Protein backbone atom coordinates (compact mmCIF):
# COMPACT_ATOMS: atom_id res chain seq x y z
CA UNK A 1 -2.31 -12.24 -11.46
CA UNK A 2 -5.13 -10.38 -9.90
CA UNK A 3 -4.50 -7.06 -8.67
CA UNK A 4 -5.93 -3.38 -8.83
CA UNK A 5 -7.53 -2.16 -11.63
CA UNK A 6 -5.63 0.48 -13.37
CA UNK A 7 -7.48 3.57 -12.84
CA UNK A 8 -7.54 4.29 -16.91
CA UNK A 9 -9.70 1.63 -17.63
CA UNK A 10 -12.32 3.42 -15.13
CA UNK A 11 -15.03 6.20 -16.79
CA UNK A 12 -13.98 9.06 -14.66
CA UNK A 13 -16.62 10.24 -12.15
CA UNK A 14 -17.08 14.49 -11.77
CA UNK A 15 -15.06 15.03 -8.48
CA UNK A 16 -14.38 18.19 -6.79
CA UNK A 17 -11.26 19.69 -6.00
CA UNK A 18 -9.81 20.01 -2.08
CA UNK A 19 -6.54 21.58 -2.42
CA UNK A 20 -5.10 20.92 1.55
CA UNK A 21 -2.52 23.46 2.68
CA UNK A 22 -0.25 21.13 4.11
CA UNK A 23 0.09 16.91 4.47
CA UNK A 24 -2.91 15.77 7.26
CA UNK A 25 -1.30 14.94 10.89
CA UNK A 26 -1.84 11.02 10.75
CA UNK A 27 -1.90 10.97 14.74
CA UNK A 28 -5.56 12.52 14.19
CA UNK A 29 -6.45 10.89 11.20
CA UNK A 30 -6.26 7.70 13.52
CA UNK A 31 -7.97 8.70 16.50
CA UNK A 32 -10.74 9.59 14.12
CA UNK A 33 -10.49 6.53 12.77
CA UNK A 34 -10.80 4.69 15.91
CA UNK A 35 -13.60 6.82 17.47
CA UNK A 36 -15.36 6.14 14.40
CA UNK A 37 -15.19 2.55 15.36
CA UNK A 38 -16.54 2.23 18.62
CA UNK A 39 -20.30 1.09 18.90
CA UNK A 40 -22.73 3.63 18.37
CA UNK A 41 -20.42 5.94 16.92
CA UNK A 42 -20.23 4.75 13.46
CA UNK A 43 -22.56 6.40 10.53
CA UNK A 44 -24.19 5.25 7.88
CA UNK A 45 -21.94 4.32 4.45
CA UNK A 46 -22.22 5.58 1.43
CA UNK A 47 -22.63 3.06 -1.61
CA UNK A 48 -19.96 5.00 -3.70
CA UNK A 49 -16.98 5.89 -3.95
CA UNK A 50 -16.42 9.93 -2.11
CA UNK A 51 -16.99 12.37 -5.43
CA UNK A 52 -13.75 14.55 -3.90
CA UNK A 53 -10.52 14.17 -4.52
CA UNK A 54 -7.93 15.88 -2.13
CA UNK A 55 -4.55 17.73 -3.14
CA UNK A 56 -1.58 19.26 -1.72
CA UNK A 57 1.44 20.74 -2.69
CA UNK A 58 4.97 21.47 -2.66
CA UNK A 59 6.08 18.15 -0.81
CA UNK A 60 9.67 18.25 -0.01
CA UNK A 61 12.02 15.27 0.41
CA UNK A 62 13.27 15.10 3.77
CA UNK A 63 16.75 12.93 3.51
CA UNK A 64 17.67 11.79 6.74
CA UNK A 65 13.70 10.52 6.24
CA UNK A 66 14.85 8.92 3.25
CA UNK A 67 17.91 7.63 4.82
CA UNK A 68 16.16 5.88 7.78
CA UNK A 69 13.53 4.50 5.14
CA UNK A 70 15.91 3.27 2.82
CA UNK A 71 17.37 1.17 5.94
CA UNK A 72 14.62 0.13 6.88
CA UNK A 73 13.49 -1.30 3.60
CA UNK A 74 17.03 -2.63 2.59
CA UNK A 75 17.70 -0.38 -0.23
CA UNK A 76 20.96 1.41 -0.86
CA UNK A 77 21.51 5.13 0.27
CA UNK A 78 21.20 7.80 -2.67
CA UNK A 79 19.15 10.84 -3.73
CA UNK A 80 16.51 8.78 -5.89
CA UNK A 81 13.52 7.98 -4.82
CA UNK A 82 12.76 4.30 -4.49
CA UNK A 83 9.38 3.64 -6.11
CA UNK A 84 7.64 3.07 -2.88
CA UNK A 85 9.18 6.13 -1.35
CA UNK A 86 6.53 8.21 -2.92
CA UNK A 87 3.76 6.40 -0.93
CA UNK A 88 4.84 7.22 2.26
CA UNK A 89 5.42 10.83 1.33
CA UNK A 90 1.49 10.85 0.35
CA UNK A 91 0.44 8.40 2.67
CA UNK A 92 -1.32 11.11 4.96
CA UNK A 93 -3.29 12.36 2.18
CA UNK A 94 -4.48 8.99 1.29
CA UNK A 95 -5.42 8.25 4.50
CA UNK A 96 -7.39 11.56 5.23
CA UNK A 97 -9.89 10.65 2.12
CA UNK A 98 -10.09 6.79 3.69
CA UNK A 99 -11.42 7.97 7.18
CA UNK A 100 -13.55 10.80 5.67
CA UNK A 101 -16.92 10.16 7.40
CA UNK A 102 -18.30 9.40 3.69
CA UNK A 103 -15.68 7.19 2.93
CA UNK A 104 -17.18 3.74 1.80
CA UNK A 105 -15.36 1.23 3.65
CA UNK A 106 -14.62 2.08 7.58
CA UNK A 107 -10.74 1.72 8.15
CA UNK A 108 -10.88 -0.49 10.94
CA UNK A 109 -10.47 -3.84 9.71
CA UNK A 110 -9.57 -3.14 6.30
CA UNK A 111 -7.25 -5.21 4.33
CA UNK A 112 -4.45 -3.90 1.76
CA UNK A 113 -4.75 -7.20 -0.37
CA UNK A 114 -2.59 -4.79 -3.95
CA UNK A 115 -0.69 -2.66 -4.98
CA UNK A 116 0.26 -1.14 -8.29
CA UNK A 117 3.13 1.39 -8.38
CA UNK A 118 3.90 2.86 -12.11
CA UNK A 119 6.92 5.11 -12.36
CA UNK A 120 7.15 7.54 -15.11
CA UNK A 121 11.21 8.87 -14.76
CA UNK A 122 13.24 8.52 -11.55
CA UNK A 123 12.84 11.11 -8.94
CA UNK A 124 15.62 13.27 -7.36
CA UNK A 125 15.18 14.05 -3.73
CA UNK A 126 16.09 17.53 -4.50
CA UNK A 127 12.38 18.23 -5.91
CA UNK A 128 9.04 19.08 -4.58
CA UNK A 129 5.97 16.81 -5.36
CA UNK A 130 2.86 17.60 -5.51
CA UNK A 131 -0.32 14.94 -4.65
CA UNK A 132 -3.39 14.30 -5.25
CA UNK A 133 -5.75 11.15 -4.38
CA UNK A 134 -9.20 9.86 -4.77
CA UNK A 135 -11.30 6.79 -4.81
CA UNK A 136 -12.51 4.29 -7.58
CA UNK A 137 -13.99 1.46 -8.96
CA UNK A 138 -16.08 0.51 -5.28
CA UNK A 139 -16.94 -3.37 -6.39
CA UNK A 140 -18.35 -6.43 -4.64
CA UNK A 141 -15.81 -9.11 -3.30
CA UNK A 142 -16.94 -12.45 -1.66
CA UNK A 143 -15.71 -11.52 1.39
CA UNK A 144 -16.78 -7.69 1.20
CA UNK A 145 -16.26 -4.91 -0.85
CA UNK A 146 -12.68 -3.65 -2.64
CA UNK A 147 -12.25 -0.49 -3.80
CA UNK A 148 -9.06 1.39 -5.42
CA UNK A 149 -7.39 4.88 -3.60
CA UNK A 150 -4.86 5.90 -6.12
CA UNK A 151 -2.28 8.50 -5.08
CA UNK A 152 -0.62 10.93 -7.98
CA UNK A 153 2.51 12.39 -7.88
CA UNK A 154 3.57 15.45 -10.04
CA UNK A 155 6.38 17.01 -10.27
CA UNK A 156 6.20 20.91 -12.24
CA UNK A 157 2.85 19.63 -13.77
CA UNK A 158 3.96 16.20 -15.41
CA UNK A 159 2.88 13.23 -13.41
CA UNK A 160 5.90 11.26 -12.43
CA UNK A 161 4.28 8.41 -10.44
CA UNK A 162 1.25 7.12 -9.77
CA UNK A 163 -0.20 4.41 -6.83
CA UNK A 164 -2.98 2.29 -7.23
CA UNK A 165 -3.64 0.76 -3.48
CA UNK A 166 -6.71 -2.18 -3.73
CA UNK A 167 -8.43 -2.30 -0.22
CA UNK A 168 -11.13 -4.98 1.02
CA UNK A 169 -13.37 -4.05 3.49
CA UNK A 170 -14.60 -7.67 5.07
CA UNK A 171 -18.29 -7.65 5.45
CA UNK A 172 -21.00 -10.40 5.56
CA UNK A 173 -22.37 -10.66 1.89
CA UNK A 174 -24.63 -13.34 0.26
CA UNK A 175 -22.30 -14.03 -2.10
CA UNK A 176 -21.05 -12.62 -5.93
CA UNK A 177 -18.36 -10.38 -6.85
CA UNK A 178 -14.95 -10.78 -7.25
CA UNK A 179 -13.40 -13.98 -5.49
CA UNK A 180 -10.27 -13.93 -3.65
CA UNK A 181 -7.97 -15.81 -6.35
CA UNK A 182 -6.34 -19.02 -5.22
CA UNK A 183 -5.51 -20.47 -8.97
CA UNK A 184 -3.01 -17.88 -9.41
CA UNK A 185 -0.13 -19.15 -7.73
CA UNK A 186 2.66 -20.28 -10.09
CA UNK A 187 5.09 -23.10 -8.88
CA UNK A 188 7.95 -22.12 -6.62
CA UNK A 189 10.82 -21.79 -8.14
CA UNK A 190 13.91 -21.91 -5.71
CA UNK A 191 14.34 -19.69 -3.59
CA UNK A 192 17.71 -17.59 -4.06
CA UNK A 193 17.56 -15.49 -0.84
CA UNK A 194 16.49 -15.87 2.39
CA UNK A 195 15.67 -12.96 5.07
CA UNK A 196 15.30 -13.22 8.92
CA UNK A 197 12.62 -10.35 9.70
CA UNK A 198 12.78 -9.44 13.23
CA UNK A 199 9.97 -8.89 15.91
CA UNK A 200 10.81 -5.23 15.86
CA UNK A 201 10.02 -4.41 12.27
CA UNK A 202 6.45 -3.63 12.64
CA UNK A 203 7.17 -0.92 14.55
CA UNK A 204 10.57 0.84 13.12
CA UNK A 205 8.76 0.86 9.87
CA UNK A 206 5.75 2.49 11.33
CA UNK A 207 8.26 5.08 12.13
CA UNK A 208 9.65 5.40 8.95
CA UNK A 209 6.02 5.43 6.80
CA UNK A 210 3.77 7.02 9.74
CA UNK A 211 1.44 3.83 9.12
CA UNK A 212 0.77 2.76 12.48
CA UNK A 213 -1.87 0.26 12.68
CA UNK A 214 -1.96 -1.72 15.70
CA UNK A 215 -1.92 -4.87 14.23
CA UNK A 216 1.80 -4.42 13.31
CA UNK A 217 3.05 -3.21 16.39
CA UNK A 218 1.14 -3.89 19.03
CA UNK A 219 0.56 -8.05 20.11
CA UNK A 220 -2.77 -6.73 21.69
CA UNK A 221 -3.70 -5.11 19.02
CA UNK A 222 -3.10 -7.97 16.30
CA UNK A 223 -4.98 -10.16 18.23
CA UNK A 224 -8.07 -8.11 18.52
CA UNK A 225 -8.39 -8.03 14.34
CA UNK A 226 -7.51 -11.81 14.44
CA UNK A 227 -3.94 -12.37 13.89
CA UNK A 228 -1.25 -14.31 16.78
CA UNK A 229 0.75 -11.71 17.03
CA UNK A 230 2.03 -8.37 14.75
CA UNK A 231 2.66 -9.12 10.79
CA UNK A 232 4.50 -6.70 8.96
CA UNK A 233 3.20 -4.02 6.36
CA UNK A 234 2.48 -4.92 3.40
CA UNK A 235 3.85 -2.15 1.73
CA UNK A 236 7.34 -3.31 3.49
CA UNK A 237 7.01 -6.60 1.78
CA UNK A 238 6.71 -5.24 -1.71
CA UNK A 239 9.74 -2.48 -1.01
CA UNK A 240 11.67 -5.41 0.11
CA UNK A 241 11.63 -7.20 -2.62
CA UNK A 242 11.82 -4.18 -5.20
CA UNK A 243 15.51 -3.12 -2.92
CA UNK A 244 16.57 -7.08 -4.14
CA UNK A 245 15.70 -6.46 -7.38
CA UNK A 246 17.21 -2.78 -7.42
CA UNK A 247 20.17 -3.08 -9.58
CA UNK A 248 17.94 -4.49 -12.37
CA UNK A 249 15.06 -1.40 -12.12
CA UNK A 250 14.57 0.18 -15.43
CA UNK A 251 14.10 4.02 -15.06
CA UNK A 252 10.62 3.54 -16.38
CA UNK A 253 8.44 0.59 -15.16
CA UNK A 254 4.86 -0.84 -13.34
CA UNK A 255 5.44 -3.10 -10.37
CA UNK A 256 2.04 -4.75 -9.61
CA UNK A 257 1.71 -7.34 -6.57
CA UNK A 258 -0.62 -9.01 -4.37
CA UNK A 259 -0.76 -9.45 -0.68
CA UNK A 260 -1.62 -12.90 0.06
CA UNK A 261 -0.83 -14.97 3.70
CA UNK A 262 0.37 -12.12 6.15
CA UNK A 263 3.89 -12.07 7.42
CA UNK A 264 4.06 -12.81 11.07
CA UNK A 265 6.89 -11.50 13.14
CA UNK A 266 9.20 -12.59 13.72
CA UNK A 267 9.68 -14.79 11.04
CA UNK A 268 12.17 -16.24 7.93
CA UNK A 269 10.90 -15.55 4.39
CA UNK A 270 12.16 -16.76 1.23
CA UNK A 271 12.25 -14.90 -1.80
CA UNK A 272 12.62 -15.45 -5.30
CA UNK A 273 12.54 -14.03 -9.02
CA UNK A 274 12.55 -14.52 -12.98
CA UNK A 275 14.14 -13.44 -15.72
CA UNK A 276 10.48 -12.33 -16.91
CA UNK A 277 9.69 -10.13 -14.05
CA UNK A 278 8.09 -11.97 -11.87
CA UNK A 279 8.66 -12.49 -8.66
CA UNK A 280 7.50 -13.84 -5.01
CA UNK A 281 7.76 -13.77 -1.35
CA UNK A 282 7.00 -16.93 0.75
CA UNK A 283 6.93 -18.90 3.98
CA UNK A 284 9.71 -21.84 4.60
CA UNK A 285 6.43 -24.45 3.29
CA UNK A 286 6.37 -22.43 -0.21
CA UNK A 287 2.74 -20.66 0.26
CA UNK A 288 3.07 -17.36 -0.94
CA UNK A 289 3.54 -14.02 1.29
CA UNK A 290 2.87 -11.92 -2.11
CA UNK A 291 3.07 -12.34 -5.74
CA UNK A 292 4.42 -9.57 -7.66
CA UNK A 293 5.19 -8.99 -11.90
CA UNK A 294 7.68 -5.71 -13.43
CA UNK A 295 7.31 -4.81 -16.33
CA UNK A 296 9.48 -2.26 -18.37
CA UNK A 297 7.52 0.97 -19.88
């Protein structure tokens, strides 16, 4: 299954560190992105990932926030962070990087096509995390360009969590580069769970994640980007699958997903998994919304 490239496979670039005193405010970042998308206001995009990494230290877990997130995604209420919760904690930092003028792909219309998370050990809600984010591996794609945004979480200098999100910036191209995977979809096993997803999920997940992209929360916003109506967040889909697998999750693992067809709201989806760690979220015609693999470390 195609997915984001592991940053350890990429020769490190020389990046300067910008250490922030607090996480950026998401509302201001989205306003910056919207202003940059207006005709005549955008600047020429860079041809390389920004040679900078953003850092922030001492991010504490709000237990009420954690409980709300767990409820929306289907996790049990515990003091252990789910694999996807650090992504939410550090998302404002990554968004700050992606809305900077020198980021090579504009945020408006960007598509999240893959996500890999590595959990090195369990993280307790009592721990505070330091985060660093940077972009790497800008490369061509048959529909535009791909880039990986890496977010690393540490506790006391020890890396405990790493996420790599792959984004597609859709552009007119002359061909070449990676292609959207069409032949890596395994035969659909018999689904062992069906989930009815309500119309309000986009707003509920936006509230607990901070990701207020209008394609998830607004019919008009979704239509402006070519969707018939709001679609579920990809990271909710990943979290919901992991919640179903929660009793079988080891203490240290890597979980890699490719986001395929959007999940319209409302809808009913089918979940299946195998004993080898593969799992999928599909529509009722067996077309995949998400394909994933989970491997113990």
